[in-house]
Amino acid sequence: MNHDKSLGSVLSETKAELKEFFETRIQIFTAEIKEKISAWKSAIPLLIAAALFALTAWITLTFALVALVRAWFLPSDYAWLWAGLIITVVYLVIGGIIGWLAYAEIKSVGMKPKRTLEVLKQDQVWIQNEARTA
């Protein structure tokens, strides 16, 4: 009994299996994205409200700091100016340090998806080996 299939039937079966494989992955992906979008739709208004309250608190804290520093310059007519400038410089220094740390972190990690590229290289080697043995 001959169980050998023709090359055409093997290729069509492989094509059908690959098509099913990718369709399944796409269905899983779209279902997951729909789930995440619905979760985000309910969370976004809450995040916006939280951000507004946090911004209001930040502005209030900044005013309190400026008023505190102003008290050090009270006899001067420019006490508000100096207090505002001092707090601005402090914020600029803190922001610069945080930005520099973030840049250093991004630079150390890099932008290339290293693991994905490694998996793709392994897949390429595997496909080449399979093609040689076939």
C-alpha atoms as a PDB file:
ATOM      1  CA  MET A   1       0.000   0.000   0.000  1.00  0.00           C
ATOM      2  CA  ASN A   2       1.464   3.311  -1.105  1.00  0.00           C
ATOM      3  CA  HIS A   3       0.906   6.159   1.397  1.00  0.00           C
ATOM      4  CA  ASP A   4       2.980   8.698  -0.451  1.00  0.00           C
ATOM      5  CA  LYS A   5       1.159  11.924  -1.204  1.00  0.00           C
ATOM      6  CA  SER A   6       1.903  14.083  -4.165  1.00  0.00           C
ATOM      7  CA  LEU A   7       3.924  17.231  -3.667  1.00  0.00           C
ATOM      8  CA  GLY A   8       0.909  19.325  -4.678  1.00  0.00           C
ATOM      9  CA  SER A   9      -1.344  17.787  -2.031  1.00  0.00           C
ATOM     10  CA  VAL A  10       1.324  18.195   0.660  1.00  0.00           C
ATOM     11  CA  LEU A  11       1.776  21.850  -0.298  1.00  0.00           C
ATOM     12  CA  SER A  12      -1.967  22.508  -0.322  1.00  0.00           C
ATOM     13  CA  GLU A  13      -2.331  20.853   3.117  1.00  0.00           C
ATOM     14  CA  THR A  14       0.554  22.911   4.446  1.00  0.00           C
ATOM     15  CA  LYS A  15      -0.965  26.071   2.987  1.00  0.00           C
ATOM     16  CA  ALA A  16      -4.322  25.272   4.597  1.00  0.00           C
ATOM     17  CA  GLU A  17      -2.683  24.587   7.962  1.00  0.00           C
ATOM     18  CA  LEU A  18      -0.696  27.812   7.812  1.00  0.00           C
ATOM     19  CA  LYS A  19      -3.805  29.755   6.874  1.00  0.00           C
ATOM     20  CA  GLU A  20      -5.696  28.228   9.807  1.00  0.00           C
ATOM     21  CA  PHE A  21      -2.730  28.906  12.105  1.00  0.00           C
ATOM     22  CA  PHE A  22      -2.597  32.605  11.183  1.00  0.00           C
ATOM     23  CA  GLU A  23      -6.389  33.030  11.259  1.00  0.00           C
ATOM     24  CA  THR A  24      -6.469  31.590  14.772  1.00  0.00           C
ATOM     25  CA  ARG A  25      -3.715  33.935  15.921  1.00  0.00           C
ATOM     26  CA  ILE A  26      -5.471  36.912  14.358  1.00  0.00           C
ATOM     27  CA  GLN A  27      -8.757  35.970  16.066  1.00  0.00           C
ATOM     28  CA  ILE A  28      -7.005  35.703  19.431  1.00  0.00           C
ATOM     29  CA  PHE A  29      -5.296  39.042  18.863  1.00  0.00           C
ATOM     30  CA  THR A  30      -8.483  40.878  17.848  1.00  0.00           C
ATOM     31  CA  ALA A  31     -10.423  39.413  20.785  1.00  0.00           C
ATOM     32  CA  GLU A  32      -7.719  40.542  23.193  1.00  0.00           C
ATOM     33  CA  ILE A  33      -7.576  44.027  21.668  1.00  0.00           C
ATOM     34  CA  LYS A  34     -11.368  44.388  21.908  1.00  0.00           C
ATOM     35  CA  GLU A  35     -11.200  43.388  25.582  1.00  0.00           C
ATOM     36  CA  LYS A  36      -8.497  45.921  26.287  1.00  0.00           C
ATOM     37  CA  ILE A  37     -10.285  48.707  24.417  1.00  0.00           C
ATOM     38  CA  SER A  38     -13.468  48.185  26.429  1.00  0.00           C
ATOM     39  CA  ALA A  39     -11.460  48.296  29.662  1.00  0.00           C
ATOM     40  CA  TRP A  40      -9.726  51.488  28.557  1.00  0.00           C
ATOM     41  CA  LYS A  41     -13.023  53.128  27.590  1.00  0.00           C
ATOM     42  CA  SER A  42     -14.242  52.908  31.168  1.00  0.00           C
ATOM     43  CA  ALA A  43     -10.891  53.858  32.702  1.00  0.00           C
ATOM     44  CA  ILE A  44     -10.037  56.893  30.568  1.00  0.00           C
ATOM     45  CA  PRO A  45     -12.540  59.327  32.189  1.00  0.00           C
ATOM     46  CA  LEU A  46     -11.258  58.302  35.612  1.00  0.00           C
ATOM     47  CA  LEU A  47      -7.658  58.797  34.502  1.00  0.00           C
ATOM     48  CA  ILE A  48      -8.501  62.256  33.150  1.00  0.00           C
ATOM     49  CA  ALA A  49     -10.174  63.241  36.430  1.00  0.00           C
ATOM     50  CA  ALA A  50      -7.195  61.929  38.405  1.00  0.00           C
ATOM     51  CA  ALA A  51      -4.781  63.851  36.179  1.00  0.00           C
ATOM     52  CA  LEU A  52      -6.754  67.080  36.628  1.00  0.00           C
ATOM     53  CA  PHE A  53      -6.736  66.731  40.422  1.00  0.00           C
ATOM     54  CA  ALA A  54      -3.020  65.881  40.401  1.00  0.00           C
ATOM     55  CA  LEU A  55      -2.308  68.940  38.232  1.00  0.00           C
ATOM     56  CA  THR A  56      -4.342  71.129  40.571  1.00  0.00           C
ATOM     57  CA  ALA A  57      -2.396  69.762  43.543  1.00  0.00           C
ATOM     58  CA  TRP A  58       0.900  70.414  41.729  1.00  0.00           C
ATOM     59  CA  ILE A  59      -0.072  74.022  40.995  1.00  0.00           C
ATOM     60  CA  THR A  60      -1.134  74.540  44.605  1.00  0.00           C
ATOM     61  CA  LEU A  61       2.108  73.035  45.897  1.00  0.00           C
ATOM     62  CA  THR A  62       4.109  75.278  43.566  1.00  0.00           C
ATOM     63  CA  PHE A  63       2.268  78.355  44.823  1.00  0.00           C
ATOM     64  CA  ALA A  64       2.913  77.280  48.424  1.00  0.00           C
ATOM     65  CA  LEU A  65       6.630  76.871  47.707  1.00  0.00           C
ATOM     66  CA  VAL A  66       6.804  80.260  45.999  1.00  0.00           C
ATOM     67  CA  ALA A  67       4.985  81.876  48.935  1.00  0.00           C
ATOM     68  CA  LEU A  68       7.382  80.206  51.381  1.00  0.00           C
ATOM     69  CA  VAL A  69      10.456  81.425  49.503  1.00  0.00           C
ATOM     70  CA  ARG A  70       8.853  84.886  49.149  1.00  0.00           C
ATOM     71  CA  ALA A  71       8.823  85.178  52.935  1.00  0.00           C
ATOM     72  CA  TRP A  72      12.650  85.082  52.885  1.00  0.00           C
ATOM     73  CA  PHE A  73      12.710  88.198  50.664  1.00  0.00           C
ATOM     74  CA  LEU A  74       9.844  90.056  52.343  1.00  0.00           C
ATOM     75  CA  PRO A  75      11.276  93.516  52.746  1.00  0.00           C
ATOM     76  CA  SER A  76      12.003  93.585  49.001  1.00  0.00           C
ATOM     77  CA  ASP A  77       9.501  94.828  46.432  1.00  0.00           C
ATOM     78  CA  TYR A  78      10.639  91.954  44.179  1.00  0.00           C
ATOM     79  CA  ALA A  79      10.056  89.152  46.688  1.00  0.00           C
ATOM     80  CA  TRP A  80       7.496  87.402  44.441  1.00  0.00           C
ATOM     81  CA  LEU A  81       9.822  87.644  41.436  1.00  0.00           C
ATOM     82  CA  TRP A  82      12.804  86.135  43.253  1.00  0.00           C
ATOM     83  CA  ALA A  83      10.705  83.411  44.812  1.00  0.00           C
ATOM     84  CA  GLY A  84       9.212  82.488  41.447  1.00  0.00           C
ATOM     85  CA  LEU A  85      12.626  82.422  39.781  1.00  0.00           C
ATOM     86  CA  ILE A  86      14.152  80.270  42.512  1.00  0.00           C
ATOM     87  CA  ILE A  87      11.357  77.689  42.342  1.00  0.00           C
ATOM     88  CA  THR A  88      11.583  77.723  38.522  1.00  0.00           C
ATOM     89  CA  VAL A  89      15.306  76.972  38.656  1.00  0.00           C
ATOM     90  CA  VAL A  90      14.721  74.180  41.180  1.00  0.00           C
ATOM     91  CA  TYR A  91      12.062  72.648  38.896  1.00  0.00           C
ATOM     92  CA  LEU A  92      14.357  72.958  35.867  1.00  0.00           C
ATOM     93  CA  VAL A  93      17.200  71.198  37.682  1.00  0.00           C
ATOM     94  CA  ILE A  94      14.927  68.380  38.891  1.00  0.00           C
ATOM     95  CA  GLY A  95      13.371  68.036  35.422  1.00  0.00           C
ATOM     96  CA  GLY A  96      16.803  67.983  33.796  1.00  0.00           C
ATOM     97  CA  ILE A  97      18.041  65.255  36.143  1.00  0.00           C
ATOM     98  CA  ILE A  98      14.938  63.125  35.578  1.00  0.00           C
ATOM     99  CA  GLY A  99      15.158  63.634  31.809  1.00  0.00           C
ATOM    100  CA  TRP A 100      18.839  62.685  31.799  1.00  0.00           C
ATOM    101  CA  LEU A 101      18.096  59.515  33.802  1.00  0.00           C
ATOM    102  CA  ALA A 102      15.270  58.590  31.414  1.00  0.00           C
ATOM    103  CA  TYR A 103      17.507  59.162  28.389  1.00  0.00           C
ATOM    104  CA  ALA A 104      20.254  57.017  29.912  1.00  0.00           C
ATOM    105  CA  GLU A 105      17.757  54.212  30.597  1.00  0.00           C
ATOM    106  CA  ILE A 106      16.379  54.292  27.047  1.00  0.00           C
ATOM    107  CA  LYS A 107      19.890  54.396  25.604  1.00  0.00           C
ATOM    108  CA  SER A 108      20.981  51.386  27.680  1.00  0.00           C
ATOM    109  CA  VAL A 109      17.960  49.320  26.647  1.00  0.00           C
ATOM    110  CA  GLY A 110      18.097  50.328  22.989  1.00  0.00           C
ATOM    111  CA  MET A 111      15.290  50.503  20.472  1.00  0.00           C
ATOM    112  CA  LYS A 112      15.812  47.191  18.657  1.00  0.00           C
ATOM    113  CA  PRO A 113      13.526  44.321  19.653  1.00  0.00           C
ATOM    114  CA  LYS A 114      16.451  41.978  20.416  1.00  0.00           C
ATOM    115  CA  ARG A 115      14.443  38.937  21.518  1.00  0.00           C
ATOM    116  CA  THR A 116      12.145  39.103  18.514  1.00  0.00           C
ATOM    117  CA  LEU A 117      15.073  39.425  16.135  1.00  0.00           C
ATOM    118  CA  GLU A 118      16.774  36.455  17.817  1.00  0.00           C
ATOM    119  CA  VAL A 119      13.642  34.320  17.449  1.00  0.00           C
ATOM    120  CA  LEU A 120      13.336  35.322  13.798  1.00  0.00           C
ATOM    121  CA  LYS A 121      16.970  34.397  13.196  1.00  0.00           C
ATOM    122  CA  GLN A 122      16.374  31.024  14.837  1.00  0.00           C
ATOM    123  CA  ASP A 123      13.286  30.529  12.666  1.00  0.00           C
ATOM    124  CA  GLN A 124      15.329  31.393   9.578  1.00  0.00           C
ATOM    125  CA  VAL A 125      17.996  28.829  10.499  1.00  0.00           C
ATOM    126  CA  TRP A 126      15.344  26.203  11.185  1.00  0.00           C
ATOM    127  CA  ILE A 127      13.626  26.858   7.840  1.00  0.00           C
ATOM    128  CA  GLN A 128      16.956  26.665   6.020  1.00  0.00           C
ATOM    129  CA  ASN A 129      17.770  23.359   7.728  1.00  0.00           C
ATOM    130  CA  GLU A 130      14.320  21.973   6.898  1.00  0.00           C
ATOM    131  CA  ALA A 131      14.693  23.044   3.271  1.00  0.00           C
ATOM    132  CA  ARG A 132      18.065  21.297   3.018  1.00  0.00           C
ATOM    133  CA  THR A 133      16.770  18.042   4.497  1.00  0.00           C
ATOM    134  CA  ALA A 134      13.604  17.987   2.386  1.00  0.00           C
END
